[in-house]
PDB file of N, CA and C in Angstrom:
ATOM      1  N   MET A   1     -59.080  16.926  50.357  1.00  0.00           N
ATOM      2  CA  MET A   1     -58.160  16.668  49.273  1.00  0.00           C
ATOM      3  C   MET A   1     -56.852  16.136  49.846  1.00  0.00           C
ATOM      4  N   HIS A   2     -56.218  15.203  49.111  1.00  0.00           N
ATOM      5  CA  HIS A   2     -54.979  14.595  49.583  1.00  0.00           C
ATOM      6  C   HIS A   2     -53.799  15.486  49.214  1.00  0.00           C
ATOM      7  N   THR A   3     -52.810  15.545  50.105  1.00  0.00           N
ATOM      8  CA  THR A   3     -51.617  16.361  49.868  1.00  0.00           C
ATOM      9  C   THR A   3     -50.375  15.548  50.224  1.00  0.00           C
ATOM     10  N   LEU A   4     -49.262  15.925  49.618  1.00  0.00           N
ATOM     11  CA  LEU A   4     -47.972  15.318  49.924  1.00  0.00           C
ATOM     12  C   LEU A   4     -46.968  16.451  49.987  1.00  0.00           C
ATOM     13  N   LEU A   5     -46.314  16.602  51.123  1.00  0.00           N
ATOM     14  CA  LEU A   5     -45.363  17.687  51.368  1.00  0.00           C
ATOM     15  C   LEU A   5     -45.993  19.050  51.110  1.00  0.00           C
ATOM     16  N   GLY A   6     -47.212  19.182  51.416  1.00  0.00           N
ATOM     17  CA  GLY A   6     -47.909  20.457  51.305  1.00  0.00           C
ATOM     18  C   GLY A   6     -48.402  20.778  49.915  1.00  0.00           C
ATOM     19  N   LEU A   7     -48.227  19.876  48.969  1.00  0.00           N
ATOM     20  CA  LEU A   7     -48.682  20.118  47.600  1.00  0.00           C
ATOM     21  C   LEU A   7     -49.776  19.116  47.271  1.00  0.00           C
ATOM     22  N   GLY A   8     -50.742  19.570  46.506  1.00  0.00           N
ATOM     23  CA  GLY A   8     -51.826  18.690  46.086  1.00  0.00           C
ATOM     24  C   GLY A   8     -51.379  17.817  44.929  1.00  0.00           C
ATOM     25  N   TRP A   9     -52.194  16.770  44.638  1.00  0.00           N
ATOM     26  CA  TRP A   9     -51.858  15.840  43.572  1.00  0.00           C
ATOM     27  C   TRP A   9     -51.800  16.522  42.213  1.00  0.00           C
ATOM     28  N   ASP A  10     -52.630  17.508  41.976  1.00  0.00           N
ATOM     29  CA  ASP A  10     -52.587  18.213  40.696  1.00  0.00           C
ATOM     30  C   ASP A  10     -51.297  18.999  40.542  1.00  0.00           C
ATOM     31  N   GLU A  11     -50.800  19.571  41.648  1.00  0.00           N
ATOM     32  CA  GLU A  11     -49.525  20.296  41.589  1.00  0.00           C
ATOM     33  C   GLU A  11     -48.362  19.330  41.352  1.00  0.00           C
ATOM     34  N   TRP A  12     -48.399  18.151  42.023  1.00  0.00           N
ATOM     35  CA  TRP A  12     -47.363  17.145  41.805  1.00  0.00           C
ATOM     36  C   TRP A  12     -47.397  16.629  40.362  1.00  0.00           C
ATOM     37  N   GLY A  13     -48.557  16.466  39.814  1.00  0.00           N
ATOM     38  CA  GLY A  13     -48.682  16.050  38.417  1.00  0.00           C
ATOM     39  C   GLY A  13     -48.060  17.069  37.478  1.00  0.00           C
ATOM     40  N   SER A  14     -48.278  18.351  37.767  1.00  0.00           N
ATOM     41  CA  SER A  14     -47.676  19.407  36.948  1.00  0.00           C
ATOM     42  C   SER A  14     -46.156  19.376  37.055  1.00  0.00           C
ATOM     43  N   ILE A  15     -45.636  19.178  38.274  1.00  0.00           N
ATOM     44  CA  ILE A  15     -44.182  19.135  38.474  1.00  0.00           C
ATOM     45  C   ILE A  15     -43.583  17.946  37.714  1.00  0.00           C
ATOM     46  N   VAL A  16     -44.224  16.785  37.824  1.00  0.00           N
ATOM     47  CA  VAL A  16     -43.729  15.598  37.119  1.00  0.00           C
ATOM     48  C   VAL A  16     -43.772  15.812  35.608  1.00  0.00           C
ATOM     49  N   ALA A  17     -44.824  16.434  35.099  1.00  0.00           N
ATOM     50  CA  ALA A  17     -44.930  16.693  33.657  1.00  0.00           C
ATOM     51  C   ALA A  17     -43.838  17.643  33.198  1.00  0.00           C
ATOM     52  N   ILE A  18     -43.556  18.680  33.972  1.00  0.00           N
ATOM     53  CA  ILE A  18     -42.513  19.650  33.602  1.00  0.00           C
ATOM     54  C   ILE A  18     -41.141  18.985  33.632  1.00  0.00           C
ATOM     55  N   VAL A  19     -40.846  18.237  34.702  1.00  0.00           N
ATOM     56  CA  VAL A  19     -39.539  17.579  34.810  1.00  0.00           C
ATOM     57  C   VAL A  19     -39.364  16.557  33.683  1.00  0.00           C
ATOM     58  N   THR A  20     -40.407  15.806  33.379  1.00  0.00           N
ATOM     59  CA  THR A  20     -40.333  14.819  32.300  1.00  0.00           C
ATOM     60  C   THR A  20     -40.090  15.489  30.957  1.00  0.00           C
ATOM     61  N   SER A  21     -40.796  16.568  30.681  1.00  0.00           N
ATOM     62  CA  SER A  21     -40.604  17.254  29.399  1.00  0.00           C
ATOM     63  C   SER A  21     -39.213  17.863  29.305  1.00  0.00           C
ATOM     64  N   VAL A  22     -38.673  18.392  30.409  1.00  0.00           N
ATOM     65  CA  VAL A  22     -37.308  18.941  30.399  1.00  0.00           C
ATOM     66  C   VAL A  22     -36.301  17.818  30.149  1.00  0.00           C
ATOM     67  N   CYS A  23     -36.488  16.663  30.778  1.00  0.00           N
ATOM     68  CA  CYS A  23     -35.569  15.533  30.578  1.00  0.00           C
ATOM     69  C   CYS A  23     -35.629  15.011  29.143  1.00  0.00           C
ATOM     70  N   VAL A  24     -36.827  14.901  28.591  1.00  0.00           N
ATOM     71  CA  VAL A  24     -36.969  14.443  27.207  1.00  0.00           C
ATOM     72  C   VAL A  24     -36.315  15.434  26.251  1.00  0.00           C
ATOM     73  N   LEU A  25     -36.513  16.721  26.481  1.00  0.00           N
ATOM     74  CA  LEU A  25     -35.901  17.752  25.641  1.00  0.00           C
ATOM     75  C   LEU A  25     -34.378  17.712  25.759  1.00  0.00           C
ATOM     76  N   ALA A  26     -33.860  17.561  26.981  1.00  0.00           N
ATOM     77  CA  ALA A  26     -32.407  17.486  27.177  1.00  0.00           C
ATOM     78  C   ALA A  26     -31.836  16.250  26.483  1.00  0.00           C
ATOM     79  N   ASN A  27     -32.529  15.136  26.567  1.00  0.00           N
ATOM     80  CA  ASN A  27     -32.085  13.913  25.900  1.00  0.00           C
ATOM     81  C   ASN A  27     -32.062  14.094  24.386  1.00  0.00           C
ATOM     82  N   TRP A  28     -33.069  14.707  23.830  1.00  0.00           N
ATOM     83  CA  TRP A  28     -33.125  14.949  22.389  1.00  0.00           C
ATOM     84  C   TRP A  28     -31.982  15.861  21.957  1.00  0.00           C
ATOM     85  N   ILE A  29     -31.746  16.936  22.733  1.00  0.00           N
ATOM     86  CA  ILE A  29     -30.654  17.869  22.399  1.00  0.00           C
ATOM     87  C   ILE A  29     -29.309  17.151  22.469  1.00  0.00           C
ATOM     88  N   LEU A  30     -29.095  16.342  23.510  1.00  0.00           N
ATOM     89  CA  LEU A  30     -27.832  15.602  23.618  1.00  0.00           C
ATOM     90  C   LEU A  30     -27.652  14.622  22.460  1.00  0.00           C
ATOM     91  N   ASN A  31     -28.711  13.957  22.058  1.00  0.00           N
ATOM     92  CA  ASN A  31     -28.616  13.031  20.924  1.00  0.00           C
ATOM     93  C   ASN A  31     -28.233  13.762  19.650  1.00  0.00           C
ATOM     94  N   LYS A  32     -28.859  14.889  19.392  1.00  0.00           N
ATOM     95  CA  LYS A  32     -28.595  15.622  18.145  1.00  0.00           C
ATOM     96  C   LYS A  32     -27.224  16.280  18.136  1.00  0.00           C
ATOM     97  N   THR A  33     -26.762  16.770  19.270  1.00  0.00           N
ATOM     98  CA  THR A  33     -25.529  17.561  19.288  1.00  0.00           C
ATOM     99  C   THR A  33     -24.300  16.781  19.711  1.00  0.00           C
ATOM    100  N   VAL A  34     -24.456  15.703  20.486  1.00  0.00           N
ATOM    101  CA  VAL A  34     -23.278  15.028  21.022  1.00  0.00           C
ATOM    102  C   VAL A  34     -23.219  13.559  20.616  1.00  0.00           C
ATOM    103  N   ARG A  35     -24.209  12.790  20.932  1.00  0.00           N
ATOM    104  CA  ARG A  35     -24.119  11.334  20.770  1.00  0.00           C
ATOM    105  C   ARG A  35     -24.032  10.900  19.316  1.00  0.00           C
ATOM    106  N   ILE A  36     -24.881  11.405  18.460  1.00  0.00           N
ATOM    107  CA  ILE A  36     -24.877  10.983  17.055  1.00  0.00           C
ATOM    108  C   ILE A  36     -23.580  11.403  16.357  1.00  0.00           C
ATOM    109  N   PRO A  37     -23.125  12.672  16.490  1.00  0.00           N
ATOM    110  CA  PRO A  37     -21.837  13.014  15.860  1.00  0.00           C
ATOM    111  C   PRO A  37     -20.666  12.209  16.421  1.00  0.00           C
ATOM    112  N   LEU A  38     -20.655  11.967  17.729  1.00  0.00           N
ATOM    113  CA  LEU A  38     -19.561  11.187  18.301  1.00  0.00           C
ATOM    114  C   LEU A  38     -19.634   9.726  17.885  1.00  0.00           C
ATOM    115  N   ASN A  39     -20.824   9.213  17.670  1.00  0.00           N
ATOM    116  CA  ASN A  39     -20.964   7.845  17.191  1.00  0.00           C
ATOM    117  C   ASN A  39     -20.359   7.714  15.795  1.00  0.00           C
ATOM    118  N   ASP A  40     -20.630   8.687  14.925  1.00  0.00           N
ATOM    119  CA  ASP A  40     -20.030   8.684  13.586  1.00  0.00           C
ATOM    120  C   ASP A  40     -18.517   8.815  13.678  1.00  0.00           C
ATOM    121  N   LEU A  41     -18.056   9.650  14.592  1.00  0.00           N
ATOM    122  CA  LEU A  41     -16.619   9.810  14.780  1.00  0.00           C
ATOM    123  C   LEU A  41     -15.996   8.503  15.250  1.00  0.00           C
ATOM    124  N   GLY A  42     -16.676   7.810  16.146  1.00  0.00           N
ATOM    125  CA  GLY A  42     -16.173   6.518  16.615  1.00  0.00           C
ATOM    126  C   GLY A  42     -16.065   5.510  15.486  1.00  0.00           C
ATOM    127  N   LYS A  43     -17.050   5.491  14.592  1.00  0.00           N
ATOM    128  CA  LYS A  43     -17.000   4.576  13.448  1.00  0.00           C
ATOM    129  C   LYS A  43     -15.826   4.919  12.539  1.00  0.00           C
ATOM    130  N   ARG A  44     -15.634   6.227  12.288  1.00  0.00           N
ATOM    131  CA  ARG A  44     -14.514   6.636  11.437  1.00  0.00           C
ATOM    132  C   ARG A  44     -13.183   6.295  12.089  1.00  0.00           C
ATOM    133  N   LEU A  45     -13.093   6.496  13.406  1.00  0.00           N
ATOM    134  CA  LEU A  45     -11.847   6.176  14.096  1.00  0.00           C
ATOM    135  C   LEU A  45     -11.563   4.677  14.073  1.00  0.00           C
ATOM    136  N   SER A  46     -12.581   3.861  14.214  1.00  0.00           N
ATOM    137  CA  SER A  46     -12.344   2.417  14.178  1.00  0.00           C
ATOM    138  C   SER A  46     -11.940   1.973  12.771  1.00  0.00           C
ATOM    139  N   ARG A  47     -12.516   2.579  11.729  1.00  0.00           N
ATOM    140  CA  ARG A  47     -12.079   2.267  10.357  1.00  0.00           C
ATOM    141  C   ARG A  47     -10.628   2.675  10.165  1.00  0.00           C
ATOM    142  N   PHE A  48     -10.273   3.879  10.665  1.00  0.00           N
ATOM    143  CA  PHE A  48      -8.895   4.356  10.553  1.00  0.00           C
ATOM    144  C   PHE A  48      -7.944   3.420  11.296  1.00  0.00           C
ATOM    145  N   THR A  49      -8.345   2.987  12.478  1.00  0.00           N
ATOM    146  CA  THR A  49      -7.512   2.075  13.256  1.00  0.00           C
ATOM    147  C   THR A  49      -7.318   0.759  12.518  1.00  0.00           C
ATOM    148  N   ASN A  50      -8.381   0.226  11.953  1.00  0.00           N
ATOM    149  CA  ASN A  50      -8.270  -1.033  11.202  1.00  0.00           C
ATOM    150  C   ASN A  50      -7.362  -0.877   9.993  1.00  0.00           C
ATOM    151  N   GLU A  51      -7.518   0.234   9.271  1.00  0.00           N
ATOM    152  CA  GLU A  51      -6.669   0.468   8.096  1.00  0.00           C
ATOM    153  C   GLU A  51      -5.212   0.641   8.502  1.00  0.00           C
ATOM    154  N   SER A  52      -4.963   1.365   9.591  1.00  0.00           N
ATOM    155  CA  SER A  52      -3.577   1.561  10.021  1.00  0.00           C
ATOM    156  C   SER A  52      -2.961   0.246  10.486  1.00  0.00           C
ATOM    157  N   LEU A  53      -3.752  -0.618  11.111  1.00  0.00           N
ATOM    158  CA  LEU A  53      -3.237  -1.934  11.496  1.00  0.00           C
ATOM    159  C   LEU A  53      -2.898  -2.769  10.265  1.00  0.00           C
ATOM    160  N   LYS A  54      -3.728  -2.674   9.218  1.00  0.00           N
ATOM    161  CA  LYS A  54      -3.432  -3.395   7.977  1.00  0.00           C
ATOM    162  C   LYS A  54      -2.133  -2.889   7.357  1.00  0.00           C
ATOM    163  N   VAL A  55      -1.965  -1.564   7.338  1.00  0.00           N
ATOM    164  CA  VAL A  55      -0.747  -0.982   6.759  1.00  0.00           C
ATOM    165  C   VAL A  55       0.471  -1.400   7.570  1.00  0.00           C
ATOM    166  N   ARG A  56       0.341  -1.378   8.899  1.00  0.00           N
ATOM    167  CA  ARG A  56       1.462  -1.800   9.738  1.00  0.00           C
ATOM    168  C   ARG A  56       1.811  -3.262   9.481  1.00  0.00           C
ATOM    169  N   GLN A  57       0.816  -4.110   9.296  1.00  0.00           N
ATOM    170  CA  GLN A  57       1.074  -5.525   9.011  1.00  0.00           C
ATOM    171  C   GLN A  57       1.752  -5.685   7.656  1.00  0.00           C
ATOM    172  N   GLN A  58       1.297  -4.915   6.661  1.00  0.00           N
ATOM    173  CA  GLN A  58       1.928  -4.973   5.344  1.00  0.00           C
ATOM    174  C   GLN A  58       3.376  -4.504   5.426  1.00  0.00           C
ATOM    175  N   ASN A  59       3.621  -3.433   6.189  1.00  0.00           N
ATOM    176  CA  ASN A  59       4.986  -2.945   6.360  1.00  0.00           C
ATOM    177  C   ASN A  59       5.855  -3.984   7.063  1.00  0.00           C
ATOM    178  N   ALA A  60       5.292  -4.646   8.069  1.00  0.00           N
ATOM    179  CA  ALA A  60       6.051  -5.683   8.771  1.00  0.00           C
ATOM    180  C   ALA A  60       6.377  -6.837   7.830  1.00  0.00           C
ATOM    181  N   ASP A  61       5.426  -7.228   6.994  1.00  0.00           N
ATOM    182  CA  ASP A  61       5.676  -8.297   6.023  1.00  0.00           C
ATOM    183  C   ASP A  61       6.758  -7.886   5.031  1.00  0.00           C
ATOM    184  N   ALA A  62       6.687  -6.642   4.568  1.00  0.00           N
ATOM    185  CA  ALA A  62       7.700  -6.146   3.630  1.00  0.00           C
ATOM    186  C   ALA A  62       9.074  -6.113   4.294  1.00  0.00           C
ATOM    187  N   MET A  63       9.119  -5.675   5.546  1.00  0.00           N
ATOM    188  CA  MET A  63      10.401  -5.634   6.257  1.00  0.00           C
ATOM    189  C   MET A  63      10.963  -7.047   6.444  1.00  0.00           C
ATOM    190  N   ASN A  64      10.100  -8.009   6.733  1.00  0.00           N
ATOM    191  CA  ASN A  64      10.568  -9.397   6.865  1.00  0.00           C
ATOM    192  C   ASN A  64      11.118  -9.917   5.548  1.00  0.00           C
ATOM    193  N   ALA A  65      10.442  -9.590   4.445  1.00  0.00           N
ATOM    194  CA  ALA A  65      10.926 -10.023   3.134  1.00  0.00           C
ATOM    195  C   ALA A  65      12.280  -9.386   2.828  1.00  0.00           C
ATOM    196  N   ILE A  66      12.405  -8.100   3.132  1.00  0.00           N
ATOM    197  CA  ILE A  66      13.680  -7.407   2.891  1.00  0.00           C
ATOM    198  C   ILE A  66      14.774  -7.995   3.773  1.00  0.00           C
ATOM    199  N   GLU A  67      14.433  -8.276   5.020  1.00  0.00           N
ATOM    200  CA  GLU A  67      15.417  -8.858   5.928  1.00  0.00           C
ATOM    201  C   GLU A  67      15.881 -10.226   5.426  1.00  0.00           C
ATOM    202  N   ASN A  68      14.961 -11.022   4.914  1.00  0.00           N
ATOM    203  CA  ASN A  68      15.340 -12.326   4.363  1.00  0.00           C
ATOM    204  C   ASN A  68      16.247 -12.169   3.148  1.00  0.00           C
ATOM    205  N   ARG A  69      15.945 -11.177   2.308  1.00  0.00           N
ATOM    206  CA  ARG A  69      16.806 -10.926   1.141  1.00  0.00           C
ATOM    207  C   ARG A  69      18.195 -10.490   1.585  1.00  0.00           C
ATOM    208  N   VAL A  70      18.255  -9.642   2.611  1.00  0.00           N
ATOM    209  CA  VAL A  70      19.553  -9.178   3.115  1.00  0.00           C
ATOM    210  C   VAL A  70      20.354 -10.356   3.663  1.00  0.00           C
ATOM    211  N   ILE A  71      19.681 -11.247   4.368  1.00  0.00           N
ATOM    212  CA  ILE A  71      20.377 -12.424   4.908  1.00  0.00           C
ATOM    213  C   ILE A  71      20.947 -13.273   3.771  1.00  0.00           C
ATOM    214  N   LYS A  72      20.161 -13.472   2.695  1.00  0.00           N
ATOM    215  CA  LYS A  72      20.652 -14.232   1.542  1.00  0.00           C
ATOM    216  C   LYS A  72      21.857 -13.542   0.908  1.00  0.00           C
ATOM    217  N   VAL A  73      21.764 -12.216   0.745  1.00  0.00           N
ATOM    218  CA  VAL A  73      22.862 -11.472   0.120  1.00  0.00           C
ATOM    219  C   VAL A  73      24.098 -11.520   1.003  1.00  0.00           C
ATOM    220  N   GLU A  74      23.922 -11.421   2.312  1.00  0.00           N
ATOM    221  CA  GLU A  74      25.071 -11.516   3.214  1.00  0.00           C
ATOM    222  C   GLU A  74      25.731 -12.884   3.100  1.00  0.00           C
ATOM    223  N   GLY A  75      24.918 -13.924   2.947  1.00  0.00           N
ATOM    224  CA  GLY A  75      25.480 -15.267   2.751  1.00  0.00           C
ATOM    225  C   GLY A  75      26.293 -15.341   1.469  1.00  0.00           C
ATOM    226  N   ARG A  76      25.768 -14.747   0.407  1.00  0.00           N
ATOM    227  CA  ARG A  76      26.508 -14.726  -0.862  1.00  0.00           C
ATOM    228  C   ARG A  76      27.809 -13.944  -0.712  1.00  0.00           C
ATOM    229  N   LEU A  77      27.729 -12.792  -0.017  1.00  0.00           N
ATOM    230  CA  LEU A  77      28.937 -11.985   0.179  1.00  0.00           C
ATOM    231  C   LEU A  77      29.970 -12.736   1.003  1.00  0.00           C
ATOM    232  N   ASP A  78      29.516 -13.466   2.011  1.00  0.00           N
ATOM    233  CA  ASP A  78      30.456 -14.276   2.789  1.00  0.00           C
ATOM    234  C   ASP A  78      31.118 -15.320   1.894  1.00  0.00           C
ATOM    235  N   GLY A  79      30.342 -15.930   1.011  1.00  0.00           N
ATOM    236  CA  GLY A  79      30.905 -16.898   0.067  1.00  0.00           C
ATOM    237  C   GLY A  79      31.927 -16.250  -0.851  1.00  0.00           C
ATOM    238  N   HIS A  80      31.612 -15.042  -1.319  1.00  0.00           N
ATOM    239  CA  HIS A  80      32.556 -14.328  -2.182  1.00  0.00           C
ATOM    240  C   HIS A  80      33.811 -13.950  -1.404  1.00  0.00           C
ATOM    241  N   ASP A  81      33.641 -13.540  -0.156  1.00  0.00           N
ATOM    242  CA  ASP A  81      34.812 -13.200   0.659  1.00  0.00           C
ATOM    243  C   ASP A  81      35.729 -14.405   0.821  1.00  0.00           C
ATOM    244  N   ILE A  82      35.128 -15.570   1.062  1.00  0.00           N
ATOM    245  CA  ILE A  82      35.939 -16.787   1.197  1.00  0.00           C
ATOM    246  C   ILE A  82      36.644 -17.100  -0.116  1.00  0.00           C
ATOM    247  N   GLU A  83      35.926 -16.935  -1.222  1.00  0.00           N
ATOM    248  CA  GLU A  83      36.532 -17.201  -2.531  1.00  0.00           C
ATOM    249  C   GLU A  83      37.664 -16.217  -2.816  1.00  0.00           C
ATOM    250  N   PHE A  84      37.448 -14.921  -2.507  1.00  0.00           N
ATOM    251  CA  PHE A  84      38.518 -13.932  -2.707  1.00  0.00           C
ATOM    252  C   PHE A  84      39.721 -14.234  -1.824  1.00  0.00           C
ATOM    253  N   LYS A  85      39.445 -14.640  -0.586  1.00  0.00           N
ATOM    254  CA  LYS A  85      40.547 -14.966   0.318  1.00  0.00           C
ATOM    255  C   LYS A  85      41.343 -16.137  -0.240  1.00  0.00           C
ATOM    256  N   HIS A  86      40.645 -17.138  -0.746  1.00  0.00           N
ATOM    257  CA  HIS A  86      41.308 -18.303  -1.337  1.00  0.00           C
ATOM    258  C   HIS A  86      42.137 -17.883  -2.554  1.00  0.00           C
ATOM    259  N   LEU A  87      41.554 -17.053  -3.422  1.00  0.00           N
ATOM    260  CA  LEU A  87      42.290 -16.589  -4.605  1.00  0.00           C
ATOM    261  C   LEU A  87      43.484 -15.728  -4.210  1.00  0.00           C
ATOM    262  N   TYR A  88      43.309 -14.898  -3.176  1.00  0.00           N
ATOM    263  CA  TYR A  88      44.410 -14.050  -2.716  1.00  0.00           C
ATOM    264  C   TYR A  88      45.552 -14.909  -2.187  1.00  0.00           C
ATOM    265  N   GLU A  89      45.202 -15.933  -1.395  1.00  0.00           N
ATOM    266  CA  GLU A  89      46.238 -16.825  -0.872  1.00  0.00           C
ATOM    267  C   GLU A  89      46.922 -17.582  -2.006  1.00  0.00           C
ATOM    268  N   LYS A  90      46.145 -17.998  -2.998  1.00  0.00           N
ATOM    269  CA  LYS A  90      46.710 -18.710  -4.146  1.00  0.00           C
ATOM    270  C   LYS A  90      47.660 -17.793  -4.914  1.00  0.00           C
ATOM    271  N   GLU A  91      47.241 -16.533  -5.091  1.00  0.00           N
ATOM    272  CA  GLU A  91      48.088 -15.559  -5.788  1.00  0.00           C
ATOM    273  C   GLU A  91      49.349 -15.273  -4.987  1.00  0.00           C
ATOM    274  N   ALA A  92      49.194 -15.176  -3.653  1.00  0.00           N
ATOM    275  CA  ALA A  92      50.362 -14.909  -2.805  1.00  0.00           C
ATOM    276  C   ALA A  92      51.357 -16.069  -2.884  1.00  0.00           C
ATOM    277  N   LYS A  93      50.874 -17.293  -2.893  1.00  0.00           N
ATOM    278  CA  LYS A  93      51.764 -18.452  -3.016  1.00  0.00           C
ATOM    279  C   LYS A  93      52.448 -18.457  -4.377  1.00  0.00           C
ATOM    280  N   GLY A  94      51.703 -18.061  -5.408  1.00  0.00           N
ATOM    281  CA  GLY A  94      52.283 -17.999  -6.749  1.00  0.00           C
ATOM    282  C   GLY A  94      53.366 -16.935  -6.830  1.00  0.00           C
ATOM    283  N   ASN A  95      53.171 -15.822  -6.135  1.00  0.00           N
ATOM    284  CA  ASN A  95      54.176 -14.762  -6.133  1.00  0.00           C
ATOM    285  C   ASN A  95      55.398 -15.165  -5.329  1.00  0.00           C
ATOM    286  N   GLU A  96      55.217 -15.975  -4.288  1.00  0.00           N
ATOM    287  CA  GLU A  96      56.358 -16.419  -3.485  1.00  0.00           C
ATOM    288  C   GLU A  96      57.268 -17.342  -4.295  1.00  0.00           C
ATOM    289  N   LYS A  97      56.661 -18.144  -5.155  1.00  0.00           N
ATOM    290  CA  LYS A  97      57.446 -19.072  -5.970  1.00  0.00           C
ATOM    291  C   LYS A  97      58.259 -18.323  -7.014  1.00  0.00           C
ATOM    292  N   ASN A  98      57.738 -17.198  -7.466  1.00  0.00           N
ATOM    293  CA  ASN A  98      58.448 -16.436  -8.505  1.00  0.00           C
ATOM    294  C   ASN A  98      59.435 -15.575  -7.877  1.00  0.00           C
TER     295      ASN A  98
END
């Protein structure tokens, strides 16, 4: 009978069958307890990330719109300041004449 490392082929076949069944069982347990739940978690996290990026983009767009409005209002206020300054100077000249 043929042997390898002191064990016969039937004993090696039994060892390979046991190791294979343990590996298959460990793989099944890991799939059920770790990989599948984490895969679902990864999908949820990527959806959350996409939604948060959309919200951040919307907020940035809103901030840009508000900033543009503020710039327009500041321009109007500068115009009013110039007009008030002109009216104040006109009033001051009118008071000097009186």
